[in-house]
Amino acid sequence: MASDRLLVIVEDDAGFARTLKRSFERRGYEVLLATGHDELLELLRTRSPGYAVVDLKLGGASGLACVETLHAHDADTLIVVLTGFASIATAVEAIKLGACHYLAKPSNTDDIEEAFSRAIGNPDVPLSQRPTSFKTLEWERIHETLVETDFNISETARRLGMHRRTLARKLEKRQVK
């Protein structure tokens, strides 16, 4: 297989990672798996992927560190971030750190491959006429703070001035996984 079809998937959910791996292999990619930042660093010592799919939340850690590492390793790597915890704040950070696209779960191989092909921005995307709702703003602020605290629920609740259980309930209601 050509090295330009080398894809690394950084995902801590073993079942989802295997499913993505098989699907991409059927499309002609050579696929490497990593469950976190340390495994990714080990892979990058010997390989240089042209494509990467990174889960935003890797256990208790943030996948944004993986995005930053991949981009530093090779700025031409096309990186797509997948998340069940989508927010504008994390999307902006992912793009600033080197991701070419950001997708909310559930996303499939077609969605990811399309995201790879849309790495260049489109200035003709229509602007929304609807103002952002209070609930959406609250949700984005929660996720922004989660990223700042490296997904530490207790610290996020403290910074937001809410009870930890209240925050946990809000996260359970909105989880997209």
Protein backbone atom coordinates (compact mmCIF):
# COMPACT_ATOMS: atom_id res chain seq x y z
CA MET A 1 0.00 0.00 0.00
CA ALA A 2 1.15 3.51 -0.72
CA SER A 3 2.45 5.47 2.25
CA ASP A 4 0.25 8.42 1.25
CA ARG A 5 -2.75 6.28 2.28
CA LEU A 6 -1.39 5.77 5.82
CA LEU A 7 -4.01 6.65 8.45
CA VAL A 8 -3.66 6.72 12.21
CA ILE A 9 -6.76 6.46 14.40
CA VAL A 10 -6.40 7.76 17.97
CA GLU A 11 -9.43 6.37 19.80
CA ASP A 12 -9.81 4.84 23.27
CA ASP A 13 -13.02 2.96 22.42
CA ALA A 14 -11.55 -0.32 21.10
CA GLY A 15 -14.76 -1.45 19.36
CA PHE A 16 -15.27 1.82 17.52
CA ALA A 17 -11.56 1.94 16.58
CA ARG A 18 -11.70 -1.60 15.12
CA THR A 19 -14.83 -0.77 13.13
CA LEU A 20 -13.25 2.37 11.68
CA LYS A 21 -10.03 0.48 10.96
CA ARG A 22 -11.80 -2.26 8.97
CA SER A 23 -13.86 0.27 7.06
CA PHE A 24 -10.85 2.37 6.07
CA GLU A 25 -8.84 -0.73 5.14
CA ARG A 26 -11.63 -1.73 2.73
CA ARG A 27 -11.12 1.69 1.10
CA GLY A 28 -7.41 1.06 0.57
CA TYR A 29 -5.89 2.77 3.60
CA GLU A 30 -3.14 1.28 5.75
CA VAL A 31 -4.42 1.89 9.29
CA LEU A 32 -2.53 2.21 12.58
CA LEU A 33 -4.31 2.40 15.94
CA ALA A 34 -3.36 4.31 19.09
CA THR A 35 -5.41 4.61 22.27
CA GLY A 36 -3.77 7.80 23.50
CA HIS A 37 -0.97 10.33 23.24
CA ASP A 38 1.83 8.02 24.42
CA GLU A 39 0.97 5.34 21.84
CA LEU A 40 0.73 8.01 19.16
CA LEU A 41 4.22 9.29 20.01
CA GLU A 42 5.55 5.74 19.72
CA LEU A 43 3.94 5.30 16.27
CA LEU A 44 5.32 8.62 15.03
CA ARG A 45 8.88 7.51 15.75
CA THR A 46 8.76 5.15 12.78
CA ARG A 47 5.79 6.23 10.63
CA SER A 48 4.46 9.46 9.17
CA PRO A 49 0.73 9.24 8.41
CA GLY A 50 -0.90 11.38 5.76
CA TYR A 51 -4.26 11.14 7.55
CA ALA A 52 -5.41 11.03 11.17
CA VAL A 53 -8.69 10.62 13.02
CA VAL A 54 -8.50 11.76 16.65
CA ASP A 55 -11.16 11.39 19.33
CA LEU A 56 -11.47 14.60 21.36
CA LYS A 57 -11.94 12.83 24.68
CA LEU A 58 -9.48 10.01 25.33
CA GLY A 59 -10.40 8.61 28.73
CA GLY A 60 -9.65 11.48 31.10
CA ALA A 61 -7.31 13.21 28.63
CA SER A 62 -7.88 15.59 25.75
CA GLY A 63 -7.23 14.53 22.17
CA LEU A 64 -6.17 18.11 21.40
CA ALA A 65 -2.63 17.21 22.52
CA CYS A 66 -2.63 14.48 19.86
CA VAL A 67 -3.75 17.00 17.23
CA GLU A 68 -0.93 19.33 18.22
CA THR A 69 1.63 16.48 18.13
CA LEU A 70 0.46 15.23 14.73
CA HIS A 71 0.57 18.73 13.25
CA ALA A 72 4.05 19.37 14.69
CA HIS A 73 5.25 16.03 13.29
CA ASP A 74 3.99 16.85 9.77
CA ALA A 75 1.95 19.97 9.00
CA ASP A 76 0.58 18.31 5.83
CA THR A 77 -1.20 15.53 7.77
CA LEU A 78 -4.96 15.86 7.33
CA ILE A 79 -6.45 15.55 10.82
CA VAL A 80 -10.15 15.09 11.58
CA VAL A 81 -11.32 15.39 15.19
CA LEU A 82 -14.31 13.27 16.23
CA THR A 83 -16.27 14.03 19.37
CA GLY A 84 -19.39 13.19 21.27
CA PHE A 85 -18.91 16.50 23.11
CA ALA A 86 -19.04 19.03 20.27
CA SER A 87 -18.75 22.74 21.01
CA ILE A 88 -17.56 25.81 19.21
CA ALA A 89 -14.75 26.27 21.73
CA THR A 90 -13.24 22.83 21.15
CA ALA A 91 -13.76 23.08 17.39
CA VAL A 92 -11.86 26.36 17.28
CA GLU A 93 -9.03 24.96 19.39
CA ALA A 94 -8.80 21.82 17.24
CA ILE A 95 -8.53 23.90 14.06
CA LYS A 96 -5.99 26.27 15.63
CA LEU A 97 -3.87 23.28 16.65
CA GLY A 98 -3.84 21.83 13.14
CA ALA A 99 -7.02 19.82 12.50
CA CYS A 100 -8.54 20.23 9.04
CA HIS A 101 -12.03 19.29 10.20
CA TYR A 102 -14.15 18.61 13.29
CA LEU A 103 -17.08 16.16 13.30
CA ALA A 104 -19.65 15.32 15.96
CA LYS A 105 -20.34 11.65 16.66
CA PRO A 106 -21.90 9.61 15.36
CA SER A 107 -19.83 9.95 12.18
CA ASN A 108 -19.01 7.19 9.75
CA THR A 109 -16.20 6.53 7.29
CA ASP A 110 -18.02 8.41 4.52
CA ASP A 111 -18.28 11.52 6.73
CA ILE A 112 -14.60 11.32 7.69
CA GLU A 113 -13.36 10.76 4.16
CA GLU A 114 -15.48 13.67 2.96
CA ALA A 115 -13.95 15.82 5.72
CA PHE A 116 -10.46 14.89 4.47
CA SER A 117 -11.44 16.08 1.00
CA ARG A 118 -12.83 19.38 2.36
CA ALA A 119 -9.61 20.41 4.12
CA ILE A 120 -9.65 23.80 2.41
CA GLY A 121 -12.28 26.21 3.73
CA ASN A 122 -15.28 27.37 1.73
CA PRO A 123 -15.98 31.13 1.88
CA ASP A 124 -19.40 30.57 0.28
CA VAL A 125 -20.91 28.67 3.23
CA PRO A 126 -24.22 30.42 4.04
CA LEU A 127 -24.44 32.28 7.33
CA SER A 128 -27.15 31.29 9.78
CA GLN A 129 -29.90 33.83 10.34
CA ARG A 130 -30.97 32.29 13.64
CA PRO A 131 -29.38 33.67 16.83
CA THR A 132 -27.71 31.26 19.21
CA SER A 133 -29.99 30.03 22.01
CA PHE A 134 -29.20 30.40 25.70
CA LYS A 135 -28.95 26.60 26.05
CA THR A 136 -26.42 26.43 23.22
CA LEU A 137 -24.36 29.24 24.76
CA GLU A 138 -24.44 27.47 28.13
CA TRP A 139 -23.42 24.18 26.52
CA GLU A 140 -20.52 25.84 24.68
CA ARG A 141 -19.33 27.56 27.87
CA ILE A 142 -19.40 24.23 29.71
CA HIS A 143 -17.32 22.58 27.00
CA GLU A 144 -14.90 25.47 26.80
CA THR A 145 -14.30 25.12 30.53
CA LEU A 146 -14.03 21.32 30.23
CA VAL A 147 -11.22 21.79 27.70
CA GLU A 148 -9.49 24.35 29.93
CA THR A 149 -9.58 21.88 32.84
CA ASP A 150 -8.55 18.88 30.72
CA PHE A 151 -12.06 17.35 31.20
CA ASN A 152 -11.88 17.46 35.02
CA ILE A 153 -15.57 17.52 36.04
CA SER A 154 -15.00 18.76 39.60
CA GLU A 155 -12.76 21.64 38.55
CA THR A 156 -15.10 22.56 35.70
CA ALA A 157 -18.07 22.70 38.09
CA ARG A 158 -16.06 24.84 40.51
CA ARG A 159 -15.07 27.31 37.77
CA LEU A 160 -18.65 27.53 36.51
CA GLY A 161 -20.03 28.01 40.01
CA MET A 162 -22.32 24.99 39.88
CA HIS A 163 -22.64 21.81 41.87
CA ARG A 164 -20.69 18.86 40.47
CA ARG A 165 -23.83 16.68 40.28
CA THR A 166 -25.68 19.38 38.34
CA LEU A 167 -22.86 19.51 35.82
CA ALA A 168 -22.77 15.71 35.58
CA ARG A 169 -26.53 15.65 34.87
CA LYS A 170 -26.17 18.29 32.15
CA LEU A 171 -23.37 16.29 30.52
CA GLU A 172 -25.43 13.09 30.62
CA LYS A 173 -28.40 14.81 28.96
CA ARG A 174 -26.39 16.25 26.08
CA GLN A 175 -23.92 13.43 25.46
CA VAL A 176 -23.99 12.48 21.77
CA LYS A 177 -21.91 9.27 21.88
